[in-house]
Protein backbone atom coordinates (compact mmCIF):
# COMPACT_ATOMS: atom_id res chain seq x y z
CA UNK A 1 123.18 -55.95 84.70
CA UNK A 2 124.22 -52.33 85.08
CA UNK A 3 126.38 -51.52 88.10
CA UNK A 4 125.31 -48.90 90.69
CA UNK A 5 127.36 -46.82 93.19
CA UNK A 6 125.80 -47.21 96.65
CA UNK A 7 126.66 -46.46 100.23
CA UNK A 8 127.75 -49.13 102.69
CA UNK A 9 124.32 -49.41 104.25
CA UNK A 10 122.68 -50.37 100.91
CA UNK A 11 124.99 -53.03 99.38
CA UNK A 12 122.59 -55.93 99.70
CA UNK A 13 120.00 -57.38 102.06
CA UNK A 14 118.43 -60.73 103.05
CA UNK A 15 119.48 -63.89 101.27
CA UNK A 16 121.62 -62.02 98.75
CA UNK A 17 123.69 -60.53 101.59
CA UNK A 18 124.28 -63.98 103.13
CA UNK A 19 125.30 -65.36 99.73
CA UNK A 20 127.79 -62.55 99.25
CA UNK A 21 129.28 -63.08 102.70
CA UNK A 22 129.79 -66.81 102.05
CA UNK A 23 131.42 -66.07 98.72
CA UNK A 24 133.66 -63.52 100.38
CA UNK A 25 134.79 -66.07 102.99
CA UNK A 26 135.65 -68.65 100.30
CA UNK A 27 137.84 -66.29 98.33
CA UNK A 28 139.06 -64.23 101.31
CA UNK A 29 142.61 -65.50 101.07
CA UNK A 30 142.92 -64.33 97.51
CA UNK A 31 141.25 -60.95 98.14
CA UNK A 32 143.95 -59.46 100.35
CA UNK A 33 145.67 -57.06 97.95
CA UNK A 34 149.40 -57.06 97.83
CA UNK A 35 150.60 -56.54 94.27
CA UNK A 36 149.04 -57.02 90.87
CA UNK A 37 151.24 -60.04 90.21
CA UNK A 38 150.12 -61.78 93.45
CA UNK A 39 146.33 -61.47 92.78
CA UNK A 40 144.47 -64.46 91.28
CA UNK A 41 143.63 -64.25 87.62
CA UNK A 42 139.88 -64.30 88.37
CA UNK A 43 140.07 -61.26 90.76
CA UNK A 44 139.25 -57.81 89.35
CA UNK A 45 142.41 -55.93 88.53
CA UNK A 46 142.48 -52.17 89.11
CA UNK A 47 144.54 -50.04 86.78
CA UNK A 48 144.74 -46.29 87.58
CA UNK A 49 147.38 -43.69 88.16
CA UNK A 50 148.08 -42.81 91.80
CA UNK A 51 147.37 -46.24 93.31
CA UNK A 52 150.28 -47.62 95.24
CA UNK A 53 151.42 -51.20 95.47
CA UNK A 54 149.25 -51.71 98.57
CA UNK A 55 146.06 -50.70 96.77
CA UNK A 56 145.84 -47.19 98.27
CA UNK A 57 144.45 -44.25 96.31
CA UNK A 58 145.64 -40.74 97.24
CA UNK A 59 143.57 -37.79 96.04
CA UNK A 60 143.34 -34.07 96.67
CA UNK A 61 140.08 -32.26 97.26
CA UNK A 62 138.06 -31.69 94.07
CA UNK A 63 140.32 -34.10 92.14
CA UNK A 64 139.15 -37.34 90.45
CA UNK A 65 140.58 -40.70 89.39
CA UNK A 66 139.22 -43.54 87.21
CA UNK A 67 139.46 -47.14 88.42
CA UNK A 68 139.37 -49.88 85.79
CA UNK A 69 138.58 -53.54 86.54
CA UNK A 70 139.30 -56.64 84.46
CA UNK A 71 135.70 -57.88 84.83
CA UNK A 72 132.35 -56.07 85.04
CA UNK A 73 131.42 -54.93 88.54
CA UNK A 74 128.01 -55.59 90.04
CA UNK A 75 128.14 -53.37 93.15
CA UNK A 76 130.26 -50.37 94.05
CA UNK A 77 130.13 -49.15 97.66
CA UNK A 78 131.94 -46.35 99.48
CA UNK A 79 132.07 -46.10 103.27
CA UNK A 80 131.83 -42.31 103.74
CA UNK A 81 130.15 -40.54 100.82
CA UNK A 82 130.82 -37.13 102.42
CA UNK A 83 134.58 -37.65 101.93
CA UNK A 84 134.58 -39.13 98.42
CA UNK A 85 131.94 -39.88 95.79
CA UNK A 86 131.84 -42.60 93.12
CA UNK A 87 130.14 -42.78 89.73
CA UNK A 88 130.00 -45.87 87.47
CA UNK A 89 131.08 -44.85 83.98
CA UNK A 90 130.94 -48.35 82.47
CA UNK A 91 130.78 -51.95 83.75
CA UNK A 92 134.57 -51.86 84.12
CA UNK A 93 135.17 -48.15 84.96
CA UNK A 94 134.43 -46.28 88.20
CA UNK A 95 135.04 -42.54 88.71
CA UNK A 96 136.11 -41.51 92.24
CA UNK A 97 135.89 -37.80 93.19
CA UNK A 98 137.39 -36.37 96.39
CA UNK A 99 135.09 -34.01 98.34
CA UNK A 100 136.53 -33.45 101.83
CA UNK A 101 139.75 -34.24 103.66
CA UNK A 102 139.73 -37.62 105.40
CA UNK A 103 140.05 -41.38 104.88
CA UNK A 104 137.46 -43.81 103.50
CA UNK A 105 137.22 -47.18 101.73
CA UNK A 106 135.85 -48.25 98.36
CA UNK A 107 134.56 -51.85 97.82
CA UNK A 108 134.05 -53.41 94.37
CA UNK A 109 132.02 -56.62 93.80
CA UNK A 110 131.65 -58.42 90.46
CA UNK A 111 128.89 -60.79 89.34
CA UNK A 112 130.74 -63.83 90.71
CA UNK A 113 130.99 -62.19 94.16
CA UNK A 114 134.67 -61.43 93.96
CA UNK A 115 135.68 -58.35 95.93
CA UNK A 116 138.34 -55.68 95.79
CA UNK A 117 138.90 -53.06 98.58
CA UNK A 118 140.62 -49.76 97.92
CA UNK A 119 141.70 -47.41 100.71
CA UNK A 120 141.15 -43.79 99.71
CA UNK A 121 142.98 -40.90 101.37
CA UNK A 122 141.75 -37.39 100.57
CA UNK A 123 144.02 -34.52 101.51
CA UNK A 124 143.98 -30.78 101.02
CA UNK A 125 145.64 -29.09 98.11
CA UNK A 126 147.66 -26.70 100.25
CA UNK A 127 148.74 -24.67 97.25
CA UNK A 128 145.10 -24.08 96.36
CA UNK A 129 144.32 -23.02 99.95
CA UNK A 130 147.34 -20.73 99.95
CA UNK A 131 146.31 -19.12 96.66
CA UNK A 132 142.75 -18.63 97.92
CA UNK A 133 143.96 -16.91 101.09
CA UNK A 134 146.25 -14.62 99.10
CA UNK A 135 143.41 -13.72 96.74
CA UNK A 136 140.86 -12.94 99.48
CA UNK A 137 143.25 -11.24 101.91
CA UNK A 138 146.02 -9.52 99.93
CA UNK A 139 147.08 -7.31 102.87
CA UNK A 140 147.69 -10.29 105.18
CA UNK A 141 150.48 -12.84 105.28
CA UNK A 142 148.75 -16.17 105.91
CA UNK A 143 150.52 -19.53 105.81
CA UNK A 144 148.40 -22.70 105.50
CA UNK A 145 149.69 -26.14 106.48
CA UNK A 146 148.21 -29.54 107.29
CA UNK A 147 149.00 -31.45 110.48
CA UNK A 148 147.14 -34.69 111.31
CA UNK A 149 144.24 -33.68 109.05
CA UNK A 150 144.03 -30.32 110.83
CA UNK A 151 144.31 -27.14 108.77
CA UNK A 152 146.72 -24.81 110.56
CA UNK A 153 146.60 -21.09 109.73
CA UNK A 154 149.58 -19.04 110.86
CA UNK A 155 151.01 -15.65 110.05
CA UNK A 156 150.09 -12.05 110.73
CA UNK A 157 146.90 -10.18 109.83
CA UNK A 158 146.11 -6.47 110.23
CA UNK A 159 142.83 -6.83 112.18
CA UNK A 160 140.85 -9.38 114.16
CA UNK A 161 138.12 -9.28 111.54
CA UNK A 162 140.53 -10.59 108.90
CA UNK A 163 141.62 -13.41 111.24
CA UNK A 164 138.01 -14.50 111.80
CA UNK A 165 137.24 -14.37 108.08
CA UNK A 166 140.35 -16.43 107.24
CA UNK A 167 139.27 -19.10 109.75
CA UNK A 168 135.81 -19.18 108.16
CA UNK A 169 137.35 -19.70 104.71
CA UNK A 170 139.55 -22.49 106.07
CA UNK A 171 136.53 -24.30 107.53
CA UNK A 172 135.25 -24.79 103.97
CA UNK A 173 138.29 -26.98 103.25
CA UNK A 174 138.64 -28.84 106.55
CA UNK A 175 136.37 -29.71 109.45
CA UNK A 176 139.08 -28.82 111.95
CA UNK A 177 140.88 -25.49 111.69
CA UNK A 178 143.56 -24.30 114.10
CA UNK A 179 143.74 -20.50 114.00
CA UNK A 180 147.22 -19.31 115.01
CA UNK A 181 146.99 -15.96 113.26
CA UNK A 182 148.42 -12.95 115.09
CA UNK A 183 146.78 -9.55 114.92
CA UNK A 184 149.49 -7.07 114.01
CA UNK A 185 149.67 -3.34 113.81
CA UNK A 186 150.67 -2.71 117.44
CA UNK A 187 147.46 -0.76 118.00
CA UNK A 188 147.13 0.65 121.50
CA UNK A 189 143.80 1.35 123.16
CA UNK A 190 143.20 3.87 125.93
CA UNK A 191 140.08 3.22 127.95
CA UNK A 192 138.56 6.15 129.81
CA UNK A 193 136.19 4.96 132.53
CA UNK A 194 134.07 7.11 134.81
CA UNK A 195 132.69 5.64 138.03
CA UNK A 196 130.00 7.93 139.43
CA UNK A 197 128.37 6.90 142.71
CA UNK A 198 126.10 8.97 144.94
CA UNK A 199 124.92 7.64 148.29
CA UNK A 200 122.21 9.41 150.28
CA UNK A 201 121.29 8.45 153.82
CA UNK A 202 118.57 9.88 156.07
CA UNK A 203 118.08 8.92 159.72
CA UNK A 204 115.25 9.79 162.10
CA UNK A 205 115.28 8.67 165.73
CA UNK A 206 113.23 9.47 168.83
CA UNK A 207 113.58 8.08 172.34
CA UNK A 208 112.30 9.36 175.70
CA UNK A 209 113.38 8.10 179.11
CA UNK A 210 112.93 9.46 182.59
CA UNK A 211 113.45 8.77 186.27
CA UNK A 212 111.56 9.72 189.44
CA UNK A 213 113.16 9.57 192.90
CA UNK A 214 111.41 10.49 196.13
CA UNK A 215 111.96 9.32 199.68
CA UNK A 216 112.29 5.56 199.62
CA UNK A 217 110.72 5.28 196.16
CA UNK A 218 112.37 5.51 192.75
CA UNK A 219 111.45 4.43 189.24
CA UNK A 220 111.91 5.22 185.59
CA UNK A 221 112.41 3.88 182.10
CA UNK A 222 115.58 3.03 180.21
CA UNK A 223 114.42 1.92 176.76
CA UNK A 224 117.21 2.05 174.24
CA UNK A 225 119.75 3.01 176.93
CA UNK A 226 118.98 6.68 176.55
CA UNK A 227 118.79 7.44 180.29
CA UNK A 228 122.33 7.67 181.72
CA UNK A 229 121.35 8.37 185.34
CA UNK A 230 122.00 6.08 188.27
CA UNK A 231 120.55 7.63 191.44
CA UNK A 232 120.25 6.27 194.94
CA UNK A 233 116.82 6.66 196.56
CA UNK A 234 116.60 9.27 199.27
CA UNK A 235 119.61 11.55 198.84
CA UNK A 236 120.04 11.31 195.05
CA UNK A 237 123.57 9.90 195.28
CA UNK A 238 124.99 7.86 192.41
CA UNK A 239 125.11 4.08 192.50
CA UNK A 240 128.60 2.80 191.73
CA UNK A 241 131.36 4.72 190.00
CA UNK A 242 130.64 7.73 187.89
CA UNK A 243 131.01 6.81 184.18
CA UNK A 244 133.68 8.49 182.13
CA UNK A 245 132.12 11.68 180.74
CA UNK A 246 131.79 11.62 176.96
CA UNK A 247 129.57 14.64 176.61
CA UNK A 248 127.88 17.21 178.84
CA UNK A 249 127.65 16.80 182.62
CA UNK A 250 125.22 17.92 185.27
CA UNK A 251 127.01 19.86 188.02
CA UNK A 252 130.25 18.23 186.95
CA UNK A 253 129.10 14.87 188.31
CA UNK A 254 126.43 13.22 186.21
CA UNK A 255 127.58 12.29 182.69
CA UNK A 256 125.14 12.82 179.87
CA UNK A 257 125.02 10.24 177.11
CA UNK A 258 126.13 11.82 173.80
CA UNK A 259 123.02 10.38 172.13
CA UNK A 260 120.81 12.54 174.35
CA UNK A 261 119.77 15.68 172.51
CA UNK A 262 117.51 17.19 175.20
CA UNK A 263 117.37 16.66 178.95
CA UNK A 264 115.74 18.27 181.95
CA UNK A 265 115.43 17.64 185.68
CA UNK A 266 114.29 19.22 188.88
CA UNK A 267 112.57 18.80 192.21
CA UNK A 268 108.85 18.87 192.69
CA UNK A 269 108.18 18.82 196.41
CA UNK A 270 110.13 15.85 197.71
CA UNK A 271 110.32 14.20 194.27
CA UNK A 272 113.34 14.40 191.96
CA UNK A 273 112.31 14.19 188.30
CA UNK A 274 114.62 13.63 185.30
CA UNK A 275 113.78 13.44 181.58
CA UNK A 276 116.13 12.56 178.72
CA UNK A 277 115.14 12.81 175.07
CA UNK A 278 117.15 11.46 172.14
CA UNK A 279 115.65 13.09 169.04
CA UNK A 280 117.80 12.98 165.93
CA UNK A 281 117.34 13.78 162.27
CA UNK A 282 120.47 13.24 160.21
CA UNK A 283 121.14 13.50 156.46
CA UNK A 284 124.36 12.22 154.89
CA UNK A 285 125.59 12.54 151.33
CA UNK A 286 128.53 10.64 149.88
CA UNK A 287 129.85 11.14 146.37
CA UNK A 288 132.52 8.92 144.84
CA UNK A 289 133.94 9.72 141.42
CA UNK A 290 136.87 7.92 139.83
CA UNK A 291 138.17 8.41 136.30
CA UNK A 292 140.89 5.84 135.62
CA UNK A 293 142.62 5.91 132.23
CA UNK A 294 144.30 2.70 131.09
CA UNK A 295 146.40 2.05 127.99
CA UNK A 296 147.20 -1.41 126.65
CA UNK A 297 147.97 -3.18 123.38
CA UNK A 298 145.15 -4.74 121.41
CA UNK A 299 144.47 -8.22 122.77
CA UNK A 300 146.28 -7.71 126.10
CA UNK A 301 144.60 -7.34 129.50
CA UNK A 302 144.96 -4.22 131.67
CA UNK A 303 143.81 -3.74 135.26
CA UNK A 304 143.31 -0.84 137.65
CA UNK A 305 142.62 -0.66 141.40
CA UNK A 306 141.98 2.45 143.48
CA UNK A 307 141.33 1.37 147.04
CA UNK A 308 143.18 -0.64 149.62
CA UNK A 309 143.58 -3.97 151.37
CA UNK A 310 142.17 -5.15 154.68
CA UNK A 311 143.68 -7.96 156.79
CA UNK A 312 141.90 -11.27 157.26
CA UNK A 313 143.22 -13.74 159.89
CA UNK A 314 143.43 -17.32 158.66
CA UNK A 315 143.91 -20.29 161.00
CA UNK A 316 146.42 -22.83 159.77
CA UNK A 317 147.58 -26.15 161.19
CA UNK A 318 146.84 -27.82 164.51
CA UNK A 319 143.62 -29.27 165.88
CA UNK A 320 143.47 -27.28 169.10
CA UNK A 321 143.62 -23.63 170.03
CA UNK A 322 147.16 -23.96 171.36
CA UNK A 323 148.57 -25.59 168.23
CA UNK A 324 146.79 -23.43 165.64
CA UNK A 325 148.79 -20.76 163.88
CA UNK A 326 147.14 -17.60 162.61
CA UNK A 327 148.39 -15.94 159.46
CA UNK A 328 147.19 -12.75 157.83
CA UNK A 329 145.90 -12.52 154.30
CA UNK A 330 144.92 -9.28 152.62
CA UNK A 331 141.81 -8.78 150.52
CA UNK A 332 141.49 -5.92 148.06
CA UNK A 333 138.60 -3.47 147.93
CA UNK A 334 137.83 -0.21 146.17
CA UNK A 335 137.33 0.69 142.52
CA UNK A 336 138.65 -2.02 140.21
CA UNK A 337 138.68 -2.28 136.43
CA UNK A 338 139.84 -5.13 134.19
CA UNK A 339 139.48 -4.94 130.43
CA UNK A 340 140.78 -6.62 127.27
CA UNK A 341 140.42 -4.53 124.07
CA UNK A 342 140.66 -5.96 120.57
CA UNK A 343 140.76 -3.72 117.50
CA UNK A 344 138.55 -5.36 114.88
CA UNK A 345 139.28 -2.80 112.15
CA UNK A 346 137.85 0.41 110.70
CA UNK A 347 137.89 2.17 114.05
CA UNK A 348 135.82 -0.54 115.77
CA UNK A 349 136.94 -1.83 119.16
CA UNK A 350 135.65 -4.94 120.90
CA UNK A 351 136.15 -4.95 124.65
CA UNK A 352 135.68 -7.38 127.50
CA UNK A 353 135.13 -5.09 130.50
CA UNK A 354 134.78 -6.05 134.18
CA UNK A 355 134.30 -3.00 136.48
CA UNK A 356 133.83 -3.46 140.23
CA UNK A 357 133.16 -1.15 143.18
CA UNK A 358 133.43 -2.56 146.72
CA UNK A 359 133.28 -1.03 150.21
CA UNK A 360 133.90 -2.36 153.71
CA UNK A 361 130.74 -3.28 155.62
CA UNK A 362 131.24 -3.78 159.36
CA UNK A 363 127.54 -4.47 159.94
CA UNK A 364 127.91 -7.84 158.21
CA UNK A 365 131.32 -8.59 159.72
CA UNK A 366 132.33 -11.82 161.43
CA UNK A 367 134.29 -12.06 164.67
CA UNK A 368 136.96 -14.76 164.55
CA UNK A 369 139.48 -15.38 167.33
CA UNK A 370 138.90 -11.91 168.69
CA UNK A 371 139.24 -10.22 165.30
CA UNK A 372 136.37 -8.42 163.61
CA UNK A 373 136.49 -9.26 159.91
CA UNK A 374 134.36 -6.82 157.90
CA UNK A 375 132.26 -7.87 154.97
CA UNK A 376 132.19 -6.31 151.53
CA UNK A 377 129.43 -4.49 149.73
CA UNK A 378 130.22 -5.12 146.07
CA UNK A 379 128.74 -3.91 142.81
CA UNK A 380 130.34 -5.51 139.78
CA UNK A 381 129.58 -6.66 136.27
CA UNK A 382 131.32 -8.35 133.34
CA UNK A 383 130.32 -7.87 129.74
CA UNK A 384 131.61 -7.68 126.17
CA UNK A 385 130.74 -4.68 124.02
CA UNK A 386 131.76 -3.36 120.61
CA UNK A 387 131.81 0.30 119.71
CA UNK A 388 133.58 2.87 117.62
CA UNK A 389 136.53 4.96 118.72
CA UNK A 390 135.44 7.87 120.90
CA UNK A 391 131.94 6.53 121.51
CA UNK A 392 130.67 6.21 125.07
CA UNK A 393 128.80 3.23 126.45
CA UNK A 394 126.96 3.05 129.78
CA UNK A 395 127.80 -0.34 131.23
CA UNK A 396 125.67 -0.18 134.36
CA UNK A 397 123.10 1.95 136.01
CA UNK A 398 122.42 0.67 139.51
CA UNK A 399 119.86 2.15 141.88
CA UNK A 400 119.78 0.52 145.28
CA UNK A 401 117.35 1.59 148.00
CA UNK A 402 117.12 0.20 151.52
CA UNK A 403 115.09 0.98 154.64
CA UNK A 404 115.90 -0.06 158.21
CA UNK A 405 113.31 0.59 160.93
CA UNK A 406 113.58 -0.47 164.58
CA UNK A 407 111.46 0.08 167.69
CA UNK A 408 112.28 -0.62 171.34
CA UNK A 409 109.40 -0.34 173.79
CA UNK A 410 108.16 -1.51 177.17
CA UNK A 411 105.52 -4.21 176.61
CA UNK A 412 102.07 -2.79 177.15
CA UNK A 413 103.17 0.69 178.21
CA UNK A 414 104.76 1.46 174.85
CA UNK A 415 101.43 0.94 173.09
CA UNK A 416 99.42 3.40 175.19
CA UNK A 417 97.70 6.11 173.10
CA UNK A 418 99.12 9.19 174.83
CA UNK A 419 101.80 8.02 177.23
CA UNK A 420 103.19 5.39 174.85
CA UNK A 421 106.01 7.57 173.41
CA UNK A 422 107.43 7.90 176.93
CA UNK A 423 108.13 4.16 177.02
CA UNK A 424 109.47 3.46 173.55
CA UNK A 425 112.37 4.38 171.25
CA UNK A 426 112.14 4.31 167.44
CA UNK A 427 114.75 4.64 164.72
CA UNK A 428 114.14 4.91 160.96
CA UNK A 429 116.97 4.87 158.43
CA UNK A 430 116.73 5.13 154.65
CA UNK A 431 119.64 4.77 152.23
CA UNK A 432 119.80 5.16 148.46
CA UNK A 433 122.79 4.46 146.25
CA UNK A 434 123.18 5.22 142.55
CA UNK A 435 126.07 3.91 140.48
CA UNK A 436 126.81 4.56 136.81
CA UNK A 437 129.82 3.30 134.83
CA UNK A 438 130.67 5.09 131.57
CA UNK A 439 133.30 3.68 129.17
CA UNK A 440 134.96 5.49 126.24
CA UNK A 441 137.75 3.82 124.17
CA UNK A 442 140.35 5.66 122.08
CA UNK A 443 143.08 4.52 119.70
CA UNK A 444 146.30 6.21 120.83
CA UNK A 445 149.94 6.42 119.82
CA UNK A 446 152.96 7.19 122.01
CA UNK A 447 154.21 10.79 122.11
CA UNK A 448 157.51 11.96 120.75
CA UNK A 449 159.99 13.48 123.24
CA UNK A 450 159.35 17.01 121.98
CA UNK A 451 155.59 16.55 122.47
CA UNK A 452 155.70 15.56 126.14
CA UNK A 453 154.13 18.34 128.26
CA UNK A 454 155.79 19.37 131.55
CA UNK A 455 154.49 17.70 134.66
CA UNK A 456 152.62 19.74 137.28
CA UNK A 457 155.21 21.32 139.55
CA UNK A 458 158.15 20.13 137.46
CA UNK A 459 159.37 23.71 136.92
CA UNK A 460 158.52 24.89 140.40
CA UNK A 461 160.70 27.72 141.69
CA UNK A 462 161.57 27.43 145.36
CA UNK A 463 161.24 30.80 147.15
CA UNK A 464 164.16 32.45 148.90
CA UNK A 465 164.11 34.11 152.32
CA UNK A 466 163.62 37.44 150.59
CA UNK A 467 160.57 36.10 148.75
CA UNK A 468 159.11 34.58 151.91
CA UNK A 469 159.50 37.52 154.27
CA UNK A 470 159.47 40.60 152.05
CA UNK A 471 157.31 39.48 149.16
CA UNK A 472 154.04 37.53 149.18
CA UNK A 473 155.64 34.82 147.10
CA UNK A 474 155.59 31.14 148.04
CA UNK A 475 157.05 29.92 144.79
CA UNK A 476 155.53 29.56 141.36
CA UNK A 477 155.79 27.59 138.19
CA UNK A 478 158.43 29.17 135.97
CA UNK A 479 156.64 28.10 132.82
CA UNK A 480 153.48 30.01 133.73
CA UNK A 481 153.13 33.77 133.66
CA UNK A 482 151.40 35.62 136.45
CA UNK A 483 147.77 36.47 136.01
CA UNK A 484 147.41 39.83 134.29
CA UNK A 485 151.04 40.02 133.14
CA UNK A 486 149.99 40.07 129.49
CA UNK A 487 148.44 43.52 129.89
CA UNK A 488 144.84 44.54 129.41
CA UNK A 489 142.64 42.39 127.20
CA UNK A 490 142.72 43.34 123.57
CA UNK A 491 139.71 44.57 121.66
CA UNK A 492 138.00 42.26 119.16
CA UNK A 493 137.64 43.33 115.55
CA UNK A 494 135.20 41.85 113.08
CA UNK A 495 132.16 39.69 113.71
CA UNK A 496 132.32 37.15 116.47
CA UNK A 497 129.83 35.06 118.37
CA UNK A 498 126.74 33.94 116.49
CA UNK A 499 126.89 34.90 112.80
CA UNK A 500 123.70 34.34 110.75
CA UNK A 501 124.03 32.12 107.71
CA UNK A 502 122.65 34.91 105.50
CA UNK A 503 125.57 37.14 106.52
CA UNK A 504 128.81 35.22 106.09
CA UNK A 505 131.81 36.26 108.14
CA UNK A 506 133.86 36.95 104.99
CA UNK A 507 131.61 39.91 104.14
CA UNK A 508 132.88 41.84 107.15
CA UNK A 509 136.49 40.73 106.98
CA UNK A 510 137.59 44.18 105.76
CA UNK A 511 136.73 45.94 109.00
């Protein structure tokens, strides 16, 4: 019967499998391999180079070995065919070929049911991996080693792209690859970021209040606390203390609320009449522009913050109010930028960018232990982009629009068709915010000492008393000449400006 190489799951089945198991139990004591001299004479004897005294076969990837038995084999089975493969060359010869790094087991059974197990260890040919790395990446210095069946790549490569390609090549030799390659070159990246934010706010408000006093009768409306008057019926005297004036006054006595834009009053017969109108239309415009420039080494993180910190009280320790201690923590707000650039080669830069713009918002604040803790209005994003040097990328374009409308009115009277506006106060507020973040990366090098420009004001000349009192001179930069000191502007000769292509500039160079 010809022998076949099968996997473990297809050795035998049914009654044949039970017969093989019984035969294996009967001869089990003699099947434990130790040395060739200790095996029974009826057991298959394996003769091949590379097999140790304990029956172990060590192979490198893509290498083969031939196992020879003293009797014809009936079944050849290997536990993990993806690690090593077997081919039956003859009834007494089996070819084993290593495919992938790892450990597996080969089982041989003859026609009498005698068995022989061979442990196979497949390892990488590190010299072959090293030669392949040197051939594919001649400009890099890559060292390949094997640790616990893990391919370790170390050394220094010029770009991140080479490091990723080397790891991909290593994965063809081993399932597990540890990439310890360092990206060299010392390339520095300057990131120019522009935060442009425009906030527009429009407010419209209208409130009317009035008061009527006559004899023993008085009345009025005070919707929205527009009416600041407090009169006593009869003589028109004030009730209580006069409030602290914060705006205009009537006869130096009656304080006018600063929110009142128009007011009037007078006497009609025996009646005193007052009217206060708060009509407001307000437009606000806020523009925020920040242009931070950050420089860092490829692969290192850089951060920027233009803003401030606000205190936040934190209660610590104790279960009661008397035992609790309050500490202060500070939270940052403003324009923040965090980025990590990586030069991938050929002028391409991959960046992980996280810009953030935050403002204090007291309308959403929380009062804690007598402290008003403001909230934060935050616009932020985090993304990874890849672009060429000098190219600009718009990371975010945010348009936020909000409307707040409120109405205070006297029930019933505020809904009257004609007299309703006298008993209600309305306020309408609209706000729009636009935010755009533009990012431009550059590859930069440090300047030499002779290339460093002077700082603004570094060569400032301090004026003397003579310059201050007798000359209109408050000091100047010594490195800059006064305007107009170079004399009158010189006259241009030859063509300049737009020159048609049919008339090259060289044709008129003799003028």
